[in-house]
Amino acid sequence: LGVVDLPDSLKDIGDNAFSGCQSLRQVTIGSGLALV
């Protein structure tokens, strides 16, 4: 997985949600995120 674009609606990203994604080079996080 290389790119992740998360919406403004997203409130919660759980522990280790994207851990081990070695190819991840770009993450866009929306404005509504409250808990990581």
PDB file of all heavy atoms in Angstrom:
ATOM      1  N   LEU A   1       0.839  -1.200   0.000  1.00  0.00           N
ATOM      2  CA  LEU A   1       0.000   0.000   0.000  1.00  0.00           C
ATOM      3  C   LEU A   1       0.874   1.251   0.000  1.00  0.00           C
ATOM      4  O   LEU A   1       1.719   1.430   0.881  1.00  0.00           O
ATOM      5  CB  LEU A   1      -0.912  -0.021   1.228  1.00  0.00           C
ATOM      6  CG  LEU A   1      -2.018   1.037   1.301  1.00  0.00           C
ATOM      7  CD1 LEU A   1      -2.962   0.909   0.119  1.00  0.00           C
ATOM      8  CD2 LEU A   1      -2.778   0.902   2.616  1.00  0.00           C
ATOM      9  N   GLY A   2       0.654   2.137  -0.999  1.00  0.00           N
ATOM     10  CA  GLY A   2       1.523   3.300  -1.157  1.00  0.00           C
ATOM     11  C   GLY A   2       0.913   4.614  -0.740  1.00  0.00           C
ATOM     12  O   GLY A   2       1.606   5.489  -0.207  1.00  0.00           O
ATOM     13  N   VAL A   3      -0.393   4.799  -0.973  1.00  0.00           N
ATOM     14  CA  VAL A   3      -1.049   6.085  -0.714  1.00  0.00           C
ATOM     15  C   VAL A   3      -2.367   5.845   0.026  1.00  0.00           C
ATOM     16  O   VAL A   3      -3.144   4.967  -0.352  1.00  0.00           O
ATOM     17  CB  VAL A   3      -1.324   6.843  -2.029  1.00  0.00           C
ATOM     18  CG1 VAL A   3      -2.072   8.152  -1.750  1.00  0.00           C
ATOM     19  CG2 VAL A   3      -0.019   7.128  -2.768  1.00  0.00           C
ATOM     20  N   VAL A   4      -2.607   6.654   1.059  1.00  0.00           N
ATOM     21  CA  VAL A   4      -3.866   6.574   1.810  1.00  0.00           C
ATOM     22  C   VAL A   4      -4.438   7.981   1.945  1.00  0.00           C
ATOM     23  O   VAL A   4      -3.767   8.891   2.435  1.00  0.00           O
ATOM     24  CB  VAL A   4      -3.656   5.962   3.207  1.00  0.00           C
ATOM     25  CG1 VAL A   4      -4.946   6.035   4.014  1.00  0.00           C
ATOM     26  CG2 VAL A   4      -3.178   4.524   3.104  1.00  0.00           C
ATOM     27  N   ASP A   5      -5.675   8.163   1.509  1.00  0.00           N
ATOM     28  CA  ASP A   5      -6.365   9.450   1.586  1.00  0.00           C
ATOM     29  C   ASP A   5      -7.601   9.258   2.464  1.00  0.00           C
ATOM     30  O   ASP A   5      -8.573   8.627   2.043  1.00  0.00           O
ATOM     31  CB  ASP A   5      -6.757   9.915   0.182  1.00  0.00           C
ATOM     32  CG  ASP A   5      -7.283  11.346   0.165  1.00  0.00           C
ATOM     33  OD1 ASP A   5      -7.361  11.961   1.255  1.00  0.00           O
ATOM     34  OD2 ASP A   5      -7.623  11.844  -0.921  1.00  0.00           O
ATOM     35  N   LEU A   6      -7.560   9.778   3.686  1.00  0.00           N
ATOM     36  CA  LEU A   6      -8.628   9.553   4.663  1.00  0.00           C
ATOM     37  C   LEU A   6      -9.566  10.757   4.719  1.00  0.00           C
ATOM     38  O   LEU A   6      -9.109  11.907   4.714  1.00  0.00           O
ATOM     39  CB  LEU A   6      -8.016   9.289   6.038  1.00  0.00           C
ATOM     40  CG  LEU A   6      -7.078   8.066   6.088  1.00  0.00           C
ATOM     41  CD1 LEU A   6      -6.404   7.962   7.448  1.00  0.00           C
ATOM     42  CD2 LEU A   6      -7.827   6.786   5.752  1.00  0.00           C
ATOM     43  N   PRO A   7     -10.880  10.538   4.816  1.00  0.00           N
ATOM     44  CA  PRO A   7     -11.865  11.622   4.707  1.00  0.00           C
ATOM     45  C   PRO A   7     -12.010  12.443   5.990  1.00  0.00           C
ATOM     46  O   PRO A   7     -11.577  12.031   7.074  1.00  0.00           O
ATOM     47  CB  PRO A   7     -13.164  10.858   4.407  1.00  0.00           C
ATOM     48  CG  PRO A   7     -12.984   9.554   5.121  1.00  0.00           C
ATOM     49  CD  PRO A   7     -11.520   9.214   4.954  1.00  0.00           C
ATOM     50  N   ASP A   8     -12.666  13.592   5.865  1.00  0.00           N
ATOM     51  CA  ASP A   8     -12.934  14.460   7.014  1.00  0.00           C
ATOM     52  C   ASP A   8     -13.847  13.793   8.042  1.00  0.00           C
ATOM     53  O   ASP A   8     -13.837  14.171   9.218  1.00  0.00           O
ATOM     54  CB  ASP A   8     -13.586  15.770   6.538  1.00  0.00           C
ATOM     55  CG  ASP A   8     -12.629  16.636   5.734  1.00  0.00           C
ATOM     56  OD1 ASP A   8     -11.397  16.471   5.896  1.00  0.00           O
ATOM     57  OD2 ASP A   8     -13.108  17.464   4.934  1.00  0.00           O
ATOM     58  N   SER A   9     -14.619  12.838   7.618  1.00  0.00           N
ATOM     59  CA  SER A   9     -15.558  12.157   8.518  1.00  0.00           C
ATOM     60  C   SER A   9     -14.866  11.264   9.538  1.00  0.00           C
ATOM     61  O   SER A   9     -15.440  10.927  10.574  1.00  0.00           O
ATOM     62  CB  SER A   9     -16.546  11.316   7.697  1.00  0.00           C
ATOM     63  OG  SER A   9     -15.833  10.321   6.955  1.00  0.00           O
ATOM     64  N   LEU A  10     -13.628  10.883   9.270  1.00  0.00           N
ATOM     65  CA  LEU A  10     -12.928   9.918  10.119  1.00  0.00           C
ATOM     66  C   LEU A  10     -12.641  10.503  11.503  1.00  0.00           C
ATOM     67  O   LEU A  10     -12.050  11.573  11.633  1.00  0.00           O
ATOM     68  CB  LEU A  10     -11.620   9.488   9.455  1.00  0.00           C
ATOM     69  CG  LEU A  10     -10.848   8.365  10.160  1.00  0.00           C
ATOM     70  CD1 LEU A  10     -11.642   7.075  10.150  1.00  0.00           C
ATOM     71  CD2 LEU A  10      -9.486   8.156   9.509  1.00  0.00           C
ATOM     72  N   LYS A  11     -13.032   9.766  12.556  1.00  0.00           N
ATOM     73  CA  LYS A  11     -12.854  10.210  13.945  1.00  0.00           C
ATOM     74  C   LYS A  11     -11.764   9.433  14.676  1.00  0.00           C
ATOM     75  O   LYS A  11     -11.075   9.989  15.534  1.00  0.00           O
ATOM     76  CB  LYS A  11     -14.175  10.052  14.717  1.00  0.00           C
ATOM     77  CG  LYS A  11     -15.373  10.762  14.108  1.00  0.00           C
ATOM     78  CD  LYS A  11     -15.193  12.265  14.095  1.00  0.00           C
ATOM     79  CE  LYS A  11     -16.438  12.968  13.549  1.00  0.00           C
ATOM     80  NZ  LYS A  11     -16.237  14.432  13.429  1.00  0.00           N
ATOM     81  N   ASP A  12     -11.622   8.155  14.353  1.00  0.00           N
ATOM     82  CA  ASP A  12     -10.771   7.292  15.174  1.00  0.00           C
ATOM     83  C   ASP A  12      -9.951   6.341  14.302  1.00  0.00           C
ATOM     84  O   ASP A  12     -10.508   5.643  13.448  1.00  0.00           O
ATOM     85  CB  ASP A  12     -11.672   6.486  16.128  1.00  0.00           C
ATOM     86  CG  ASP A  12     -10.890   5.669  17.145  1.00  0.00           C
ATOM     87  OD1 ASP A  12      -9.642   5.657  17.088  1.00  0.00           O
ATOM     88  OD2 ASP A  12     -11.530   5.026  17.991  1.00  0.00           O
ATOM     89  N   ILE A  13      -8.635   6.334  14.527  1.00  0.00           N
ATOM     90  CA  ILE A  13      -7.748   5.357  13.900  1.00  0.00           C
ATOM     91  C   ILE A  13      -7.156   4.509  15.014  1.00  0.00           C
ATOM     92  O   ILE A  13      -6.507   5.025  15.933  1.00  0.00           O
ATOM     93  CB  ILE A  13      -6.600   6.045  13.112  1.00  0.00           C
ATOM     94  CG1 ILE A  13      -7.168   6.919  12.001  1.00  0.00           C
ATOM     95  CG2 ILE A  13      -5.678   4.980  12.515  1.00  0.00           C
ATOM     96  CD1 ILE A  13      -6.110   7.677  11.220  1.00  0.00           C
ATOM     97  N   GLY A  14      -7.391   3.210  14.970  1.00  0.00           N
ATOM     98  CA  GLY A  14      -6.976   2.324  16.044  1.00  0.00           C
ATOM     99  C   GLY A  14      -5.484   2.037  16.069  1.00  0.00           C
ATOM    100  O   GLY A  14      -4.739   2.361  15.133  1.00  0.00           O
ATOM    101  N   ASP A  15      -5.060   1.415  17.147  1.00  0.00           N
ATOM    102  CA  ASP A  15      -3.654   1.040  17.309  1.00  0.00           C
ATOM    103  C   ASP A  15      -3.173   0.184  16.133  1.00  0.00           C
ATOM    104  O   ASP A  15      -3.882  -0.743  15.705  1.00  0.00           O
ATOM    105  CB  ASP A  15      -3.462   0.239  18.602  1.00  0.00           C
ATOM    106  CG  ASP A  15      -3.755   1.040  19.857  1.00  0.00           C
ATOM    107  OD1 ASP A  15      -3.836   2.281  19.762  1.00  0.00           O
ATOM    108  OD2 ASP A  15      -3.919   0.413  20.932  1.00  0.00           O
ATOM    109  N   ASN A  16      -1.986   0.497  15.642  1.00  0.00           N
ATOM    110  CA  ASN A  16      -1.337  -0.306  14.594  1.00  0.00           C
ATOM    111  C   ASN A  16      -2.160  -0.423  13.299  1.00  0.00           C
ATOM    112  O   ASN A  16      -1.967  -1.360  12.526  1.00  0.00           O
ATOM    113  CB  ASN A  16      -1.024  -1.718  15.104  1.00  0.00           C
ATOM    114  CG  ASN A  16      -0.104  -1.712  16.297  1.00  0.00           C
ATOM    115  OD1 ASN A  16       1.058  -1.327  16.209  1.00  0.00           O
ATOM    116  ND2 ASN A  16      -0.630  -2.130  17.448  1.00  0.00           N
ATOM    117  N   ALA A  17      -3.053   0.524  13.089  1.00  0.00           N
ATOM    118  CA  ALA A  17      -3.964   0.432  11.946  1.00  0.00           C
ATOM    119  C   ALA A  17      -3.237   0.256  10.624  1.00  0.00           C
ATOM    120  O   ALA A  17      -3.661  -0.529   9.763  1.00  0.00           O
ATOM    121  CB  ALA A  17      -4.867   1.651  11.884  1.00  0.00           C
ATOM    122  N   PHE A  18      -2.144   0.986  10.433  1.00  0.00           N
ATOM    123  CA  PHE A  18      -1.377   0.900   9.189  1.00  0.00           C
ATOM    124  C   PHE A  18       0.086   0.509   9.460  1.00  0.00           C
ATOM    125  O   PHE A  18       0.952   0.743   8.617  1.00  0.00           O
ATOM    126  CB  PHE A  18      -1.420   2.237   8.449  1.00  0.00           C
ATOM    127  CG  PHE A  18      -2.781   2.597   7.912  1.00  0.00           C
ATOM    128  CD1 PHE A  18      -3.653   3.362   8.687  1.00  0.00           C
ATOM    129  CD2 PHE A  18      -3.199   2.170   6.654  1.00  0.00           C
ATOM    130  CE1 PHE A  18      -4.912   3.707   8.200  1.00  0.00           C
ATOM    131  CE2 PHE A  18      -4.454   2.506   6.172  1.00  0.00           C
ATOM    132  CZ  PHE A  18      -5.311   3.272   6.943  1.00  0.00           C
ATOM    133  N   SER A  19       0.350  -0.069  10.579  1.00  0.00           N
ATOM    134  CA  SER A  19       1.732  -0.438  10.888  1.00  0.00           C
ATOM    135  C   SER A  19       2.190  -1.573   9.963  1.00  0.00           C
ATOM    136  O   SER A  19       1.395  -2.405   9.537  1.00  0.00           O
ATOM    137  CB  SER A  19       1.866  -0.880  12.348  1.00  0.00           C
ATOM    138  OG  SER A  19       1.198  -2.100  12.580  1.00  0.00           O
ATOM    139  N   GLY A  20       3.463  -1.556   9.647  1.00  0.00           N
ATOM    140  CA  GLY A  20       3.992  -2.587   8.768  1.00  0.00           C
ATOM    141  C   GLY A  20       3.706  -2.358   7.298  1.00  0.00           C
ATOM    142  O   GLY A  20       3.993  -3.231   6.474  1.00  0.00           O
ATOM    143  N   CYS A  21       3.131  -1.193   6.973  1.00  0.00           N
ATOM    144  CA  CYS A  21       2.885  -0.851   5.559  1.00  0.00           C
ATOM    145  C   CYS A  21       4.162  -0.223   5.007  1.00  0.00           C
ATOM    146  O   CYS A  21       4.293   1.009   4.941  1.00  0.00           O
ATOM    147  CB  CYS A  21       1.690   0.087   5.438  1.00  0.00           C
ATOM    148  SG  CYS A  21       0.122  -0.659   5.963  1.00  0.00           S
ATOM    149  N   GLN A  22       5.080  -1.034   4.622  1.00  0.00           N
ATOM    150  CA  GLN A  22       6.433  -0.603   4.288  1.00  0.00           C
ATOM    151  C   GLN A  22       6.514   0.319   3.074  1.00  0.00           C
ATOM    152  O   GLN A  22       7.457   1.103   2.942  1.00  0.00           O
ATOM    153  CB  GLN A  22       7.319  -1.837   4.070  1.00  0.00           C
ATOM    154  CG  GLN A  22       7.418  -2.729   5.284  1.00  0.00           C
ATOM    155  CD  GLN A  22       8.138  -4.029   5.000  1.00  0.00           C
ATOM    156  OE1 GLN A  22       8.463  -4.351   3.851  1.00  0.00           O
ATOM    157  NE2 GLN A  22       8.381  -4.812   6.037  1.00  0.00           N
ATOM    158  N   SER A  23       5.544   0.222   2.173  1.00  0.00           N
ATOM    159  CA  SER A  23       5.579   1.031   0.951  1.00  0.00           C
ATOM    160  C   SER A  23       4.813   2.345   1.081  1.00  0.00           C
ATOM    161  O   SER A  23       4.775   3.136   0.130  1.00  0.00           O
ATOM    162  CB  SER A  23       5.012   0.234  -0.231  1.00  0.00           C
ATOM    163  OG  SER A  23       5.758  -0.948  -0.451  1.00  0.00           O
ATOM    164  N   LEU A  24       4.210   2.578   2.244  1.00  0.00           N
ATOM    165  CA  LEU A  24       3.382   3.768   2.440  1.00  0.00           C
ATOM    166  C   LEU A  24       4.240   5.034   2.378  1.00  0.00           C
ATOM    167  O   LEU A  24       5.137   5.236   3.191  1.00  0.00           O
ATOM    168  CB  LEU A  24       2.667   3.683   3.788  1.00  0.00           C
ATOM    169  CG  LEU A  24       1.492   4.637   4.014  1.00  0.00           C
ATOM    170  CD1 LEU A  24       0.405   4.412   2.975  1.00  0.00           C
ATOM    171  CD2 LEU A  24       0.936   4.446   5.423  1.00  0.00           C
ATOM    172  N   ARG A  25       3.968   5.886   1.397  1.00  0.00           N
ATOM    173  CA  ARG A  25       4.767   7.088   1.181  1.00  0.00           C
ATOM    174  C   ARG A  25       3.958   8.371   1.328  1.00  0.00           C
ATOM    175  O   ARG A  25       4.521   9.461   1.421  1.00  0.00           O
ATOM    176  CB  ARG A  25       5.410   7.045  -0.206  1.00  0.00           C
ATOM    177  CG  ARG A  25       4.429   7.040  -1.363  1.00  0.00           C
ATOM    178  CD  ARG A  25       5.117   6.897  -2.707  1.00  0.00           C
ATOM    179  NE  ARG A  25       4.180   7.004  -3.811  1.00  0.00           N
ATOM    180  CZ  ARG A  25       3.464   5.998  -4.287  1.00  0.00           C
ATOM    181  NH1 ARG A  25       3.584   4.792  -3.737  1.00  0.00           N
ATOM    182  NH2 ARG A  25       2.636   6.179  -5.301  1.00  0.00           N
ATOM    183  N   GLN A  26       2.617   8.252   1.327  1.00  0.00           N
ATOM    184  CA  GLN A  26       1.787   9.462   1.430  1.00  0.00           C
ATOM    185  C   GLN A  26       0.500   9.148   2.180  1.00  0.00           C
ATOM    186  O   GLN A  26      -0.214   8.210   1.846  1.00  0.00           O
ATOM    187  CB  GLN A  26       1.450   9.996   0.028  1.00  0.00           C
ATOM    188  CG  GLN A  26       0.575  11.241   0.054  1.00  0.00           C
ATOM    189  CD  GLN A  26       0.249  11.733  -1.348  1.00  0.00           C
ATOM    190  OE1 GLN A  26       1.101  11.685  -2.239  1.00  0.00           O
ATOM    191  NE2 GLN A  26      -0.960  12.209  -1.551  1.00  0.00           N
ATOM    192  N   VAL A  27       0.212   9.946   3.201  1.00  0.00           N
ATOM    193  CA  VAL A  27      -1.018   9.801   3.979  1.00  0.00           C
ATOM    194  C   VAL A  27      -1.675  11.173   4.108  1.00  0.00           C
ATOM    195  O   VAL A  27      -1.042  12.127   4.562  1.00  0.00           O
ATOM    196  CB  VAL A  27      -0.747   9.230   5.391  1.00  0.00           C
ATOM    197  CG1 VAL A  27      -2.057   9.139   6.176  1.00  0.00           C
ATOM    198  CG2 VAL A  27      -0.079   7.872   5.308  1.00  0.00           C
ATOM    199  N   THR A  28      -2.927  11.261   3.700  1.00  0.00           N
ATOM    200  CA  THR A  28      -3.696  12.496   3.863  1.00  0.00           C
ATOM    201  C   THR A  28      -4.785  12.231   4.892  1.00  0.00           C
ATOM    202  O   THR A  28      -5.590  11.305   4.730  1.00  0.00           O
ATOM    203  CB  THR A  28      -4.334  12.928   2.538  1.00  0.00           C
ATOM    204  OG1 THR A  28      -3.311  13.113   1.547  1.00  0.00           O
ATOM    205  CG2 THR A  28      -5.096  14.233   2.722  1.00  0.00           C
ATOM    206  N   ILE A  29      -4.805  13.045   5.949  1.00  0.00           N
ATOM    207  CA  ILE A  29      -5.755  12.851   7.043  1.00  0.00           C
ATOM    208  C   ILE A  29      -6.729  14.018   7.068  1.00  0.00           C
ATOM    209  O   ILE A  29      -6.326  15.187   7.008  1.00  0.00           O
ATOM    210  CB  ILE A  29      -5.025  12.733   8.392  1.00  0.00           C
ATOM    211  CG1 ILE A  29      -4.102  11.513   8.376  1.00  0.00           C
ATOM    212  CG2 ILE A  29      -6.025  12.619   9.537  1.00  0.00           C
ATOM    213  CD1 ILE A  29      -3.279  11.351   9.636  1.00  0.00           C
ATOM    214  N   GLY A  30      -8.024  13.692   7.156  1.00  0.00           N
ATOM    215  CA  GLY A  30      -9.061  14.719   7.160  1.00  0.00           C
ATOM    216  C   GLY A  30      -9.090  15.525   8.446  1.00  0.00           C
ATOM    217  O   GLY A  30      -8.438  15.203   9.443  1.00  0.00           O
ATOM    218  N   SER A  31      -9.914  16.566   8.443  1.00  0.00           N
ATOM    219  CA  SER A  31      -9.964  17.528   9.541  1.00  0.00           C
ATOM    220  C   SER A  31     -10.729  17.027  10.761  1.00  0.00           C
ATOM    221  O   SER A  31     -10.631  17.610  11.842  1.00  0.00           O
ATOM    222  CB  SER A  31     -10.605  18.827   9.054  1.00  0.00           C
ATOM    223  OG  SER A  31     -11.930  18.577   8.577  1.00  0.00           O
ATOM    224  N   GLY A  32     -11.475  15.958  10.623  1.00  0.00           N
ATOM    225  CA  GLY A  32     -12.327  15.511  11.736  1.00  0.00           C
ATOM    226  C   GLY A  32     -11.683  14.527  12.683  1.00  0.00           C
ATOM    227  O   GLY A  32     -12.307  14.110  13.669  1.00  0.00           O
ATOM    228  N   LEU A  33     -10.447  14.151  12.449  1.00  0.00           N
ATOM    229  CA  LEU A  33      -9.801  13.113  13.255  1.00  0.00           C
ATOM    230  C   LEU A  33      -9.636  13.556  14.704  1.00  0.00           C
ATOM    231  O   LEU A  33      -9.091  14.619  14.996  1.00  0.00           O
ATOM    232  CB  LEU A  33      -8.443  12.765  12.660  1.00  0.00           C
ATOM    233  CG  LEU A  33      -7.736  11.544  13.258  1.00  0.00           C
ATOM    234  CD1 LEU A  33      -8.556  10.281  13.028  1.00  0.00           C
ATOM    235  CD2 LEU A  33      -6.344  11.387  12.660  1.00  0.00           C
ATOM    236  N   ALA A  34     -10.100  12.700  15.657  1.00  0.00           N
ATOM    237  CA  ALA A  34     -10.051  13.033  17.079  1.00  0.00           C
ATOM    238  C   ALA A  34      -9.095  12.135  17.854  1.00  0.00           C
ATOM    239  O   ALA A  34      -8.521  12.557  18.855  1.00  0.00           O
ATOM    240  CB  ALA A  34     -11.456  12.923  17.691  1.00  0.00           C
ATOM    241  N   LEU A  35      -8.916  10.918  17.410  1.00  0.00           N
ATOM    242  CA  LEU A  35      -8.102   9.964  18.160  1.00  0.00           C
ATOM    243  C   LEU A  35      -7.245   9.120  17.227  1.00  0.00           C
ATOM    244  O   LEU A  35      -7.751   8.511  16.290  1.00  0.00           O
ATOM    245  CB  LEU A  35      -9.017   9.045  18.994  1.00  0.00           C
ATOM    246  CG  LEU A  35      -8.320   7.978  19.841  1.00  0.00           C
ATOM    247  CD1 LEU A  35      -7.416   8.630  20.897  1.00  0.00           C
ATOM    248  CD2 LEU A  35      -9.355   7.080  20.523  1.00  0.00           C
ATOM    249  N   VAL A  36      -5.937   9.097  17.495  1.00  0.00           N
ATOM    250  CA  VAL A  36      -5.007   8.267  16.749  1.00  0.00           C
ATOM    251  C   VAL A  36      -4.330   7.308  17.719  1.00  0.00           C
ATOM    252  O   VAL A  36      -3.719   7.739  18.717  1.00  0.00           O
ATOM    253  CB  VAL A  36      -3.931   9.117  16.040  1.00  0.00           C
ATOM    254  CG1 VAL A  36      -2.956   8.211  15.291  1.00  0.00           C
ATOM    255  CG2 VAL A  36      -4.587  10.099  15.083  1.00  0.00           C
TER     256      VAL A  36
END
